[in-house]
Amino acid sequence: MKAILVGNGTMGGRHRGRFEACGVSFVGVADNDADFEKIADKLNVTGGTQTVDFAVIASPATTHYRYTKYFLERRIPVFVEKPLATTAEQAQELVDMAAASGTVLFVAQSECFNPIFLNFRKHFVAELNERCADVTDGHGCDTAGNEPCRGVHLEFRREHRYSSRCRDVSVMLDLLVHDLSMFLTLFPSSDVRVESRNESPDGNYAQVKLKVVSGPFAGASADFVVDRESATDLRNITVNFARNGELPSSNYTVSLARYTPEGEIAHVPDSLDNEHRFFLKLLAGACGEWGRRAAQNAADCVRLCCGT
């Protein structure tokens, strides 16, 4: 398989190395618009002779929409770093464009493929179903008109020390999208409402509160805290289940990260390996509906970051 890489920085290098380990050959690498124009001129869809199987977009976030749209317009599958775009309208446009042409669009929201999260999700969903399964009216209320999951609360907390990376967008589109993407694999976005949204003037700290307002898990809520100028590094999910009938309360915290002996976050390579394998399955024609849901998840994350 042949691919093009747009954005050869830290994440671009990681993606390139993993795809090359899977047998992919990169026939073009662009780090700026001038490089990109030279590559584009060689593509056979623009009159050139070079054929590619997909494009990897790992350029600055503010350029994701433009580059992704370029390839989707030419029906070239795209693997793009998060966020998909910087506005809800642009993100949804790209998802709709990919769906209309049947072109694969994958957003690298790697935490959704983190084996620690996948294990957490399995156990959390099982407990959620056990505690909130008695819904009978079809609108997220029990027979007494109560929200069945009003005693379920999650907190997603993501703190990073200062980094010069990803400073072209706010902490919402830089870090919050990770936690929103995981949350939306637990609860459908159509059932979720933004309760509050606060961001620091410099865009480096934010707090968001979401509530599940419909569906079988109505009443569940979540707080999100993201800080990219913290004194520490952490990526935690805290779960609180209130007492429910004969079921006792349950409270626990899961760390999504592994740490070095010095206390710093160590990269979890399985997350990237898993998402790359999934993308290659999408290219092979497998898991199509799952892939479409994942792309919509990415657009919904941008929408929630933008407060809509």
C-alpha atoms as a PDB file:
ATOM      1  CA  MET A   1       0.000   0.000   0.000  1.00  0.00           C
ATOM      2  CA  LYS A   2       1.101   3.562  -0.708  1.00  0.00           C
ATOM      3  CA  ALA A   3       0.346   6.625   1.377  1.00  0.00           C
ATOM      4  CA  ILE A   4       1.025  10.327   1.762  1.00  0.00           C
ATOM      5  CA  LEU A   5       1.927  11.993   5.064  1.00  0.00           C
ATOM      6  CA  VAL A   6       1.024  15.623   5.702  1.00  0.00           C
ATOM      7  CA  GLY A   7       2.717  16.815   8.881  1.00  0.00           C
ATOM      8  CA  ASN A   8       5.976  15.078   9.773  1.00  0.00           C
ATOM      9  CA  GLY A   9       6.217  16.170  13.414  1.00  0.00           C
ATOM     10  CA  THR A  10       5.983  14.067  16.580  1.00  0.00           C
ATOM     11  CA  MET A  11       2.661  12.394  15.831  1.00  0.00           C
ATOM     12  CA  GLY A  12       3.311  12.239  12.103  1.00  0.00           C
ATOM     13  CA  GLY A  13       6.505  10.331  12.795  1.00  0.00           C
ATOM     14  CA  ARG A  14       4.725   7.916  15.104  1.00  0.00           C
ATOM     15  CA  HIS A  15       2.007   7.211  12.573  1.00  0.00           C
ATOM     16  CA  ARG A  16       4.478   6.826   9.743  1.00  0.00           C
ATOM     17  CA  GLY A  17       6.615   4.338  11.662  1.00  0.00           C
ATOM     18  CA  ARG A  18       3.658   2.154  12.598  1.00  0.00           C
ATOM     19  CA  PHE A  19       2.198   2.122   9.110  1.00  0.00           C
ATOM     20  CA  GLU A  20       5.599   1.314   7.604  1.00  0.00           C
ATOM     21  CA  ALA A  21       5.864  -1.604  10.032  1.00  0.00           C
ATOM     22  CA  CYS A  22       2.601  -2.844   8.487  1.00  0.00           C
ATOM     23  CA  GLY A  23       4.103  -2.722   4.994  1.00  0.00           C
ATOM     24  CA  VAL A  24       2.890   0.720   3.922  1.00  0.00           C
ATOM     25  CA  SER A  25       5.211   2.807   1.739  1.00  0.00           C
ATOM     26  CA  PHE A  26       5.072   6.595   2.011  1.00  0.00           C
ATOM     27  CA  VAL A  27       5.540   8.041  -1.443  1.00  0.00           C
ATOM     28  CA  GLY A  28       5.245  11.655  -0.293  1.00  0.00           C
ATOM     29  CA  VAL A  29       5.860  13.588   2.922  1.00  0.00           C
ATOM     30  CA  ALA A  30       4.825  17.227   3.305  1.00  0.00           C
ATOM     31  CA  ASP A  31       5.632  19.557   6.174  1.00  0.00           C
ATOM     32  CA  ASN A  32       4.295  22.773   4.664  1.00  0.00           C
ATOM     33  CA  ASP A  33       2.025  24.021   1.882  1.00  0.00           C
ATOM     34  CA  ALA A  34       4.846  24.185  -0.657  1.00  0.00           C
ATOM     35  CA  ASP A  35       5.711  20.522  -0.046  1.00  0.00           C
ATOM     36  CA  PHE A  36       2.040  19.601  -0.224  1.00  0.00           C
ATOM     37  CA  GLU A  37       1.533  21.321  -3.583  1.00  0.00           C
ATOM     38  CA  LYS A  38       4.447  19.389  -5.054  1.00  0.00           C
ATOM     39  CA  ILE A  39       2.939  16.110  -3.855  1.00  0.00           C
ATOM     40  CA  ALA A  40      -0.540  17.055  -5.052  1.00  0.00           C
ATOM     41  CA  ASP A  41       0.780  17.763  -8.546  1.00  0.00           C
ATOM     42  CA  LYS A  42       1.972  14.165  -8.801  1.00  0.00           C
ATOM     43  CA  LEU A  43      -1.346  12.558  -7.845  1.00  0.00           C
ATOM     44  CA  ASN A  44      -3.075  10.850 -10.748  1.00  0.00           C
ATOM     45  CA  VAL A  45      -6.420  12.390  -9.685  1.00  0.00           C
ATOM     46  CA  THR A  46      -4.968  15.783 -10.639  1.00  0.00           C
ATOM     47  CA  GLY A  47      -3.362  14.674 -13.864  1.00  0.00           C
ATOM     48  CA  GLY A  48      -0.204  13.235 -12.345  1.00  0.00           C
ATOM     49  CA  THR A  49       1.021   9.657 -12.313  1.00  0.00           C
ATOM     50  CA  GLN A  50       1.228   8.824  -8.596  1.00  0.00           C
ATOM     51  CA  THR A  51      -1.465   6.599  -7.086  1.00  0.00           C
ATOM     52  CA  VAL A  52      -1.979   6.423  -3.327  1.00  0.00           C
ATOM     53  CA  ASP A  53      -4.198   4.273  -1.116  1.00  0.00           C
ATOM     54  CA  PHE A  54      -4.652   6.777   1.692  1.00  0.00           C
ATOM     55  CA  ALA A  55      -3.413   9.986   3.307  1.00  0.00           C
ATOM     56  CA  VAL A  56      -2.267  10.612   6.876  1.00  0.00           C
ATOM     57  CA  ILE A  57      -2.924  14.117   8.199  1.00  0.00           C
ATOM     58  CA  ALA A  58      -0.853  15.053  11.266  1.00  0.00           C
ATOM     59  CA  SER A  59      -0.361  18.755  10.517  1.00  0.00           C
ATOM     60  CA  PRO A  60      -1.407  21.566  12.901  1.00  0.00           C
ATOM     61  CA  ALA A  61      -5.043  21.247  13.976  1.00  0.00           C
ATOM     62  CA  THR A  62      -6.140  24.403  12.172  1.00  0.00           C
ATOM     63  CA  THR A  63      -5.171  22.789   8.844  1.00  0.00           C
ATOM     64  CA  HIS A  64      -6.940  19.443   9.342  1.00  0.00           C
ATOM     65  CA  TYR A  65     -10.161  20.524   7.662  1.00  0.00           C
ATOM     66  CA  ARG A  66      -8.452  21.885   4.547  1.00  0.00           C
ATOM     67  CA  TYR A  67      -6.188  18.895   3.939  1.00  0.00           C
ATOM     68  CA  THR A  68      -8.821  16.303   4.823  1.00  0.00           C
ATOM     69  CA  LYS A  69     -11.343  17.911   2.495  1.00  0.00           C
ATOM     70  CA  TYR A  70      -8.787  17.944  -0.327  1.00  0.00           C
ATOM     71  CA  PHE A  71      -8.358  14.169  -0.168  1.00  0.00           C
ATOM     72  CA  LEU A  72     -12.014  13.343   0.460  1.00  0.00           C
ATOM     73  CA  GLU A  73     -12.996  15.374  -2.599  1.00  0.00           C
ATOM     74  CA  ARG A  74     -10.761  13.028  -4.568  1.00  0.00           C
ATOM     75  CA  ARG A  75     -12.118   9.937  -2.779  1.00  0.00           C
ATOM     76  CA  ILE A  76      -8.793   9.170  -1.153  1.00  0.00           C
ATOM     77  CA  PRO A  77      -9.233   7.622   2.337  1.00  0.00           C
ATOM     78  CA  VAL A  78      -7.968   9.765   5.212  1.00  0.00           C
ATOM     79  CA  PHE A  79      -6.414   9.017   8.589  1.00  0.00           C
ATOM     80  CA  VAL A  80      -6.393  12.368  10.414  1.00  0.00           C
ATOM     81  CA  GLU A  81      -5.170  13.363  13.850  1.00  0.00           C
ATOM     82  CA  LYS A  82      -7.666  14.802  16.310  1.00  0.00           C
ATOM     83  CA  PRO A  83      -9.425  17.168  16.239  1.00  0.00           C
ATOM     84  CA  LEU A  84     -11.186  16.482  12.946  1.00  0.00           C
ATOM     85  CA  ALA A  85     -11.753  20.227  12.466  1.00  0.00           C
ATOM     86  CA  THR A  86     -11.972  23.379  14.551  1.00  0.00           C
ATOM     87  CA  THR A  87     -15.690  24.094  14.070  1.00  0.00           C
ATOM     88  CA  ALA A  88     -18.718  21.849  14.404  1.00  0.00           C
ATOM     89  CA  GLU A  89     -19.889  22.753  10.907  1.00  0.00           C
ATOM     90  CA  GLN A  90     -16.592  21.831   9.277  1.00  0.00           C
ATOM     91  CA  ALA A  91     -16.341  18.557  11.194  1.00  0.00           C
ATOM     92  CA  GLN A  92     -19.840  17.472  10.202  1.00  0.00           C
ATOM     93  CA  GLU A  93     -19.221  18.509   6.605  1.00  0.00           C
ATOM     94  CA  LEU A  94     -16.243  16.157   6.400  1.00  0.00           C
ATOM     95  CA  VAL A  95     -18.175  13.247   7.933  1.00  0.00           C
ATOM     96  CA  ASP A  96     -21.084  13.795   5.547  1.00  0.00           C
ATOM     97  CA  MET A  97     -18.725  14.094   2.581  1.00  0.00           C
ATOM     98  CA  ALA A  98     -17.011  10.806   3.435  1.00  0.00           C
ATOM     99  CA  ALA A  99     -20.351   9.031   3.913  1.00  0.00           C
ATOM    100  CA  ALA A 100     -21.778  10.349   0.650  1.00  0.00           C
ATOM    101  CA  SER A 101     -18.858   9.063  -1.410  1.00  0.00           C
ATOM    102  CA  GLY A 102     -18.200   5.922   0.607  1.00  0.00           C
ATOM    103  CA  THR A 103     -14.657   7.090   1.393  1.00  0.00           C
ATOM    104  CA  VAL A 104     -13.006   5.982   4.631  1.00  0.00           C
ATOM    105  CA  LEU A 105     -12.517   8.808   7.141  1.00  0.00           C
ATOM    106  CA  PHE A 106     -10.802   7.909  10.401  1.00  0.00           C
ATOM    107  CA  VAL A 107      -9.927  10.310  13.224  1.00  0.00           C
ATOM    108  CA  ALA A 108      -7.054   9.257  15.472  1.00  0.00           C
ATOM    109  CA  GLN A 109      -8.740   9.565  18.866  1.00  0.00           C
ATOM    110  CA  SER A 110      -6.291   7.080  20.313  1.00  0.00           C
ATOM    111  CA  GLU A 111      -7.684   6.886  23.851  1.00  0.00           C
ATOM    112  CA  CYS A 112     -10.680   4.988  22.463  1.00  0.00           C
ATOM    113  CA  PHE A 113      -8.189   2.241  21.540  1.00  0.00           C
ATOM    114  CA  ASN A 114      -6.252   2.388  24.815  1.00  0.00           C
ATOM    115  CA  PRO A 115      -6.384  -1.164  26.264  1.00  0.00           C
ATOM    116  CA  ILE A 116      -6.777   0.304  29.756  1.00  0.00           C
ATOM    117  CA  PHE A 117      -9.879   2.201  28.657  1.00  0.00           C
ATOM    118  CA  LEU A 118     -11.258  -0.765  26.716  1.00  0.00           C
ATOM    119  CA  ASN A 119     -11.028  -2.902  29.860  1.00  0.00           C
ATOM    120  CA  PHE A 120     -12.598  -0.121  31.956  1.00  0.00           C
ATOM    121  CA  ARG A 121     -15.403   0.298  29.432  1.00  0.00           C
ATOM    122  CA  LYS A 122     -16.292  -3.397  29.500  1.00  0.00           C
ATOM    123  CA  HIS A 123     -16.683  -3.442  33.284  1.00  0.00           C
ATOM    124  CA  PHE A 124     -18.326  -0.010  33.555  1.00  0.00           C
ATOM    125  CA  VAL A 125     -20.990  -0.826  30.955  1.00  0.00           C
ATOM    126  CA  ALA A 126     -21.750  -4.128  32.697  1.00  0.00           C
ATOM    127  CA  GLU A 127     -22.238  -2.386  36.031  1.00  0.00           C
ATOM    128  CA  LEU A 128     -24.214   0.429  34.415  1.00  0.00           C
ATOM    129  CA  ASN A 129     -26.610  -2.051  32.840  1.00  0.00           C
ATOM    130  CA  GLU A 130     -27.001  -3.888  36.121  1.00  0.00           C
ATOM    131  CA  ARG A 131     -27.867  -0.725  38.028  1.00  0.00           C
ATOM    132  CA  CYS A 132     -29.925   1.135  35.418  1.00  0.00           C
ATOM    133  CA  ALA A 133     -31.690  -1.589  33.465  1.00  0.00           C
ATOM    134  CA  ASP A 134     -35.241  -1.094  34.804  1.00  0.00           C
ATOM    135  CA  VAL A 135     -36.543   1.418  32.276  1.00  0.00           C
ATOM    136  CA  THR A 136     -40.050   0.833  31.015  1.00  0.00           C
ATOM    137  CA  ASP A 137     -41.395   3.976  29.363  1.00  0.00           C
ATOM    138  CA  GLY A 138     -38.834   4.236  26.556  1.00  0.00           C
ATOM    139  CA  HIS A 139     -37.910   7.838  27.376  1.00  0.00           C
ATOM    140  CA  GLY A 140     -35.252   7.346  29.996  1.00  0.00           C
ATOM    141  CA  CYS A 141     -37.570   7.318  33.023  1.00  0.00           C
ATOM    142  CA  ASP A 142     -38.680   4.501  35.265  1.00  0.00           C
ATOM    143  CA  THR A 143     -42.294   3.791  36.107  1.00  0.00           C
ATOM    144  CA  ALA A 144     -42.253   6.517  38.775  1.00  0.00           C
ATOM    145  CA  GLY A 145     -41.008   9.115  36.301  1.00  0.00           C
ATOM    146  CA  ASN A 146     -37.496   9.179  37.790  1.00  0.00           C
ATOM    147  CA  GLU A 147     -34.206   9.195  35.912  1.00  0.00           C
ATOM    148  CA  PRO A 148     -32.837   5.680  36.424  1.00  0.00           C
ATOM    149  CA  CYS A 149     -29.162   6.690  36.370  1.00  0.00           C
ATOM    150  CA  ARG A 150     -29.326   9.915  38.380  1.00  0.00           C
ATOM    151  CA  GLY A 151     -26.916   8.352  40.883  1.00  0.00           C
ATOM    152  CA  VAL A 152     -24.209   7.712  38.261  1.00  0.00           C
ATOM    153  CA  HIS A 153     -21.438  10.270  37.943  1.00  0.00           C
ATOM    154  CA  LEU A 154     -18.079  10.243  36.161  1.00  0.00           C
ATOM    155  CA  GLU A 155     -15.182  12.648  36.277  1.00  0.00           C
ATOM    156  CA  PHE A 156     -12.623  12.759  33.477  1.00  0.00           C
ATOM    157  CA  ARG A 157      -9.476  14.623  34.499  1.00  0.00           C
ATOM    158  CA  ARG A 158      -6.587  15.206  32.105  1.00  0.00           C
ATOM    159  CA  GLU A 159      -3.625  17.340  33.146  1.00  0.00           C
ATOM    160  CA  HIS A 160      -0.376  17.895  31.270  1.00  0.00           C
ATOM    161  CA  ARG A 161       2.741  19.898  31.943  1.00  0.00           C
ATOM    162  CA  TYR A 162       3.466  22.686  29.472  1.00  0.00           C
ATOM    163  CA  SER A 163       4.231  21.634  25.913  1.00  0.00           C
ATOM    164  CA  SER A 164       4.702  23.803  22.842  1.00  0.00           C
ATOM    165  CA  ARG A 165       2.716  21.310  20.750  1.00  0.00           C
ATOM    166  CA  CYS A 166      -0.896  21.922  19.648  1.00  0.00           C
ATOM    167  CA  ARG A 167      -0.936  25.589  20.616  1.00  0.00           C
ATOM    168  CA  ASP A 168      -2.911  26.570  17.531  1.00  0.00           C
ATOM    169  CA  VAL A 169      -6.146  25.478  19.257  1.00  0.00           C
ATOM    170  CA  SER A 170      -7.538  25.753  22.774  1.00  0.00           C
ATOM    171  CA  VAL A 171      -7.282  23.022  25.395  1.00  0.00           C
ATOM    172  CA  MET A 172     -10.826  21.985  24.449  1.00  0.00           C
ATOM    173  CA  LEU A 173      -9.816  20.857  20.958  1.00  0.00           C
ATOM    174  CA  ASP A 174      -6.384  19.764  22.120  1.00  0.00           C
ATOM    175  CA  LEU A 175      -7.155  17.592  25.172  1.00  0.00           C
ATOM    176  CA  LEU A 176     -10.886  17.561  25.918  1.00  0.00           C
ATOM    177  CA  VAL A 177     -11.661  15.753  22.648  1.00  0.00           C
ATOM    178  CA  HIS A 178      -9.844  12.700  24.025  1.00  0.00           C
ATOM    179  CA  ASP A 179     -12.159  12.384  27.018  1.00  0.00           C
ATOM    180  CA  LEU A 180     -15.287  13.294  25.087  1.00  0.00           C
ATOM    181  CA  SER A 181     -14.507  10.598  22.537  1.00  0.00           C
ATOM    182  CA  MET A 182     -14.382   7.983  25.305  1.00  0.00           C
ATOM    183  CA  PHE A 183     -17.553   9.303  26.966  1.00  0.00           C
ATOM    184  CA  LEU A 184     -19.448   9.076  23.680  1.00  0.00           C
ATOM    185  CA  THR A 185     -18.610   5.376  23.409  1.00  0.00           C
ATOM    186  CA  LEU A 186     -20.492   4.968  26.715  1.00  0.00           C
ATOM    187  CA  PHE A 187     -23.503   7.196  25.993  1.00  0.00           C
ATOM    188  CA  PRO A 188     -24.995   8.225  22.609  1.00  0.00           C
ATOM    189  CA  SER A 189     -24.376  11.881  21.777  1.00  0.00           C
ATOM    190  CA  SER A 190     -28.065  12.299  20.913  1.00  0.00           C
ATOM    191  CA  ASP A 191     -28.882  11.659  24.588  1.00  0.00           C
ATOM    192  CA  VAL A 192     -26.310  14.137  25.921  1.00  0.00           C
ATOM    193  CA  ARG A 193     -26.675  17.820  26.802  1.00  0.00           C
ATOM    194  CA  VAL A 194     -24.022  20.381  27.779  1.00  0.00           C
ATOM    195  CA  GLU A 195     -24.912  21.634  31.264  1.00  0.00           C
ATOM    196  CA  SER A 196     -22.024  24.045  31.735  1.00  0.00           C
ATOM    197  CA  ARG A 197     -18.842  25.006  29.952  1.00  0.00           C
ATOM    198  CA  ASN A 198     -16.060  27.212  31.337  1.00  0.00           C
ATOM    199  CA  GLU A 199     -12.708  28.003  29.774  1.00  0.00           C
ATOM    200  CA  SER A 200      -9.860  30.177  31.033  1.00  0.00           C
ATOM    201  CA  PRO A 201      -9.122  33.352  29.030  1.00  0.00           C
ATOM    202  CA  ASP A 202      -5.822  31.910  27.791  1.00  0.00           C
ATOM    203  CA  GLY A 203      -7.519  28.709  26.580  1.00  0.00           C
ATOM    204  CA  ASN A 204      -5.283  26.402  28.627  1.00  0.00           C
ATOM    205  CA  TYR A 205      -7.782  25.228  31.274  1.00  0.00           C
ATOM    206  CA  ALA A 206     -11.403  24.191  30.947  1.00  0.00           C
ATOM    207  CA  GLN A 207     -14.256  22.554  32.829  1.00  0.00           C
ATOM    208  CA  VAL A 208     -17.301  21.029  31.154  1.00  0.00           C
ATOM    209  CA  LYS A 209     -20.337  19.278  32.630  1.00  0.00           C
ATOM    210  CA  LEU A 210     -22.500  16.936  30.553  1.00  0.00           C
ATOM    211  CA  LYS A 211     -25.732  15.189  31.444  1.00  0.00           C
ATOM    212  CA  VAL A 212     -27.488  12.250  29.837  1.00  0.00           C
ATOM    213  CA  VAL A 213     -31.040  13.587  29.464  1.00  0.00           C
ATOM    214  CA  SER A 214     -32.761  10.795  27.534  1.00  0.00           C
ATOM    215  CA  GLY A 215     -32.463   7.126  26.717  1.00  0.00           C
ATOM    216  CA  PRO A 216     -32.024   4.194  29.096  1.00  0.00           C
ATOM    217  CA  PHE A 217     -29.246   5.898  31.070  1.00  0.00           C
ATOM    218  CA  ALA A 218     -30.947   9.252  31.660  1.00  0.00           C
ATOM    219  CA  GLY A 219     -29.661  11.031  34.737  1.00  0.00           C
ATOM    220  CA  ALA A 220     -26.032  10.003  34.434  1.00  0.00           C
ATOM    221  CA  SER A 221     -23.659  12.960  34.446  1.00  0.00           C
ATOM    222  CA  ALA A 222     -19.989  13.687  33.901  1.00  0.00           C
ATOM    223  CA  ASP A 223     -17.522  16.429  34.742  1.00  0.00           C
ATOM    224  CA  PHE A 224     -14.487  17.040  32.552  1.00  0.00           C
ATOM    225  CA  VAL A 225     -11.387  18.932  33.692  1.00  0.00           C
ATOM    226  CA  VAL A 226      -8.503  19.599  31.302  1.00  0.00           C
ATOM    227  CA  ASP A 227      -5.346  21.569  32.028  1.00  0.00           C
ATOM    228  CA  ARG A 228      -2.313  21.779  29.750  1.00  0.00           C
ATOM    229  CA  GLU A 229      -0.192  23.940  32.060  1.00  0.00           C
ATOM    230  CA  SER A 230      -0.448  21.791  35.169  1.00  0.00           C
ATOM    231  CA  ALA A 231       2.297  20.975  37.634  1.00  0.00           C
ATOM    232  CA  THR A 232       1.619  17.290  37.107  1.00  0.00           C
ATOM    233  CA  ASP A 233       0.629  14.763  34.453  1.00  0.00           C
ATOM    234  CA  LEU A 234      -2.443  12.603  34.878  1.00  0.00           C
ATOM    235  CA  ARG A 235      -5.257  11.005  32.886  1.00  0.00           C
ATOM    236  CA  ASN A 236      -7.923   9.645  35.214  1.00  0.00           C
ATOM    237  CA  ILE A 237     -11.543   8.525  35.120  1.00  0.00           C
ATOM    238  CA  THR A 238     -13.364   8.497  38.466  1.00  0.00           C
ATOM    239  CA  VAL A 239     -16.684   6.679  38.756  1.00  0.00           C
ATOM    240  CA  ASN A 240     -19.323   7.146  41.451  1.00  0.00           C
ATOM    241  CA  PHE A 241     -22.355   4.865  41.625  1.00  0.00           C
ATOM    242  CA  ALA A 242     -24.803   5.893  44.363  1.00  0.00           C
ATOM    243  CA  ARG A 243     -26.578   3.208  46.358  1.00  0.00           C
ATOM    244  CA  ASN A 244     -29.391   1.723  44.272  1.00  0.00           C
ATOM    245  CA  GLY A 245     -31.841  -0.508  46.127  1.00  0.00           C
ATOM    246  CA  GLU A 246     -29.932  -3.529  47.309  1.00  0.00           C
ATOM    247  CA  LEU A 247     -26.847  -2.528  45.312  1.00  0.00           C
ATOM    248  CA  PRO A 248     -24.276  -0.699  47.470  1.00  0.00           C
ATOM    249  CA  SER A 249     -22.489   2.451  46.384  1.00  0.00           C
ATOM    250  CA  SER A 250     -19.375   2.012  44.283  1.00  0.00           C
ATOM    251  CA  ASN A 251     -16.515   4.470  43.827  1.00  0.00           C
ATOM    252  CA  TYR A 252     -13.223   3.989  42.029  1.00  0.00           C
ATOM    253  CA  THR A 253     -10.602   5.740  39.892  1.00  0.00           C
ATOM    254  CA  VAL A 254      -8.831   4.358  36.849  1.00  0.00           C
ATOM    255  CA  SER A 255      -5.622   5.814  35.448  1.00  0.00           C
ATOM    256  CA  LEU A 256      -5.437   5.654  31.669  1.00  0.00           C
ATOM    257  CA  ALA A 257      -1.687   6.172  31.689  1.00  0.00           C
ATOM    258  CA  ARG A 258       1.410   4.267  32.613  1.00  0.00           C
ATOM    259  CA  TYR A 259       4.141   6.127  34.458  1.00  0.00           C
ATOM    260  CA  THR A 260       7.936   6.165  34.391  1.00  0.00           C
ATOM    261  CA  PRO A 261       9.887   5.758  37.656  1.00  0.00           C
ATOM    262  CA  GLU A 262      10.229   9.551  37.629  1.00  0.00           C
ATOM    263  CA  GLY A 263       6.449   9.924  37.737  1.00  0.00           C
ATOM    264  CA  GLU A 264       6.038  11.101  34.141  1.00  0.00           C
ATOM    265  CA  ILE A 265       3.490   9.639  31.734  1.00  0.00           C
ATOM    266  CA  ALA A 266       4.863   6.937  29.481  1.00  0.00           C
ATOM    267  CA  HIS A 267       3.309   6.557  26.066  1.00  0.00           C
ATOM    268  CA  VAL A 268       0.955   3.557  25.741  1.00  0.00           C
ATOM    269  CA  PRO A 269       2.010   2.120  22.366  1.00  0.00           C
ATOM    270  CA  ASP A 270      -0.899  -0.322  22.190  1.00  0.00           C
ATOM    271  CA  SER A 271      -3.303   2.602  21.717  1.00  0.00           C
ATOM    272  CA  LEU A 272      -1.661   3.656  18.461  1.00  0.00           C
ATOM    273  CA  ASP A 273      -1.066   0.090  17.314  1.00  0.00           C
ATOM    274  CA  ASN A 274      -4.746  -0.730  17.843  1.00  0.00           C
ATOM    275  CA  GLU A 275      -6.025   2.303  15.952  1.00  0.00           C
ATOM    276  CA  HIS A 276      -3.691   1.691  13.026  1.00  0.00           C
ATOM    277  CA  ARG A 277      -4.828  -1.919  12.732  1.00  0.00           C
ATOM    278  CA  PHE A 278      -8.453  -0.779  12.861  1.00  0.00           C
ATOM    279  CA  PHE A 279      -7.882   1.768  10.088  1.00  0.00           C
ATOM    280  CA  LEU A 280      -6.268  -0.865   7.873  1.00  0.00           C
ATOM    281  CA  LYS A 281      -9.304  -3.102   8.482  1.00  0.00           C
ATOM    282  CA  LEU A 282     -11.541  -0.251   7.338  1.00  0.00           C
ATOM    283  CA  LEU A 283      -9.501   0.056   4.139  1.00  0.00           C
ATOM    284  CA  ALA A 284      -9.952  -3.679   3.590  1.00  0.00           C
ATOM    285  CA  GLY A 285     -13.721  -3.261   3.747  1.00  0.00           C
ATOM    286  CA  ALA A 286     -14.283  -4.580   7.266  1.00  0.00           C
ATOM    287  CA  CYS A 287     -16.080  -2.905  10.208  1.00  0.00           C
ATOM    288  CA  GLY A 288     -17.665  -0.290   7.944  1.00  0.00           C
ATOM    289  CA  GLU A 289     -20.565   0.648  10.224  1.00  0.00           C
ATOM    290  CA  TRP A 290     -18.263   0.833  13.225  1.00  0.00           C
ATOM    291  CA  GLY A 291     -15.971   3.112  11.237  1.00  0.00           C
ATOM    292  CA  ARG A 292     -18.850   5.425  10.309  1.00  0.00           C
ATOM    293  CA  ARG A 293     -19.906   5.646  13.961  1.00  0.00           C
ATOM    294  CA  ALA A 294     -16.336   6.448  14.976  1.00  0.00           C
ATOM    295  CA  ALA A 295     -16.156   9.283  12.431  1.00  0.00           C
ATOM    296  CA  GLN A 296     -19.452  10.698  13.699  1.00  0.00           C
ATOM    297  CA  ASN A 297     -18.134  10.419  17.244  1.00  0.00           C
ATOM    298  CA  ALA A 298     -15.218  12.653  16.225  1.00  0.00           C
ATOM    299  CA  ALA A 299     -17.549  15.274  14.744  1.00  0.00           C
ATOM    300  CA  ASP A 300     -19.747  15.157  17.848  1.00  0.00           C
ATOM    301  CA  CYS A 301     -16.675  15.741  20.010  1.00  0.00           C
ATOM    302  CA  VAL A 302     -15.888  18.925  18.103  1.00  0.00           C
ATOM    303  CA  ARG A 303     -19.529  19.998  18.428  1.00  0.00           C
ATOM    304  CA  LEU A 304     -19.499  19.538  22.202  1.00  0.00           C
ATOM    305  CA  CYS A 305     -16.153  21.352  22.477  1.00  0.00           C
ATOM    306  CA  CYS A 306     -17.728  24.260  20.644  1.00  0.00           C
ATOM    307  CA  GLY A 307     -20.617  24.284  23.114  1.00  0.00           C
ATOM    308  CA  THR A 308     -23.410  23.069  20.835  1.00  0.00           C
END
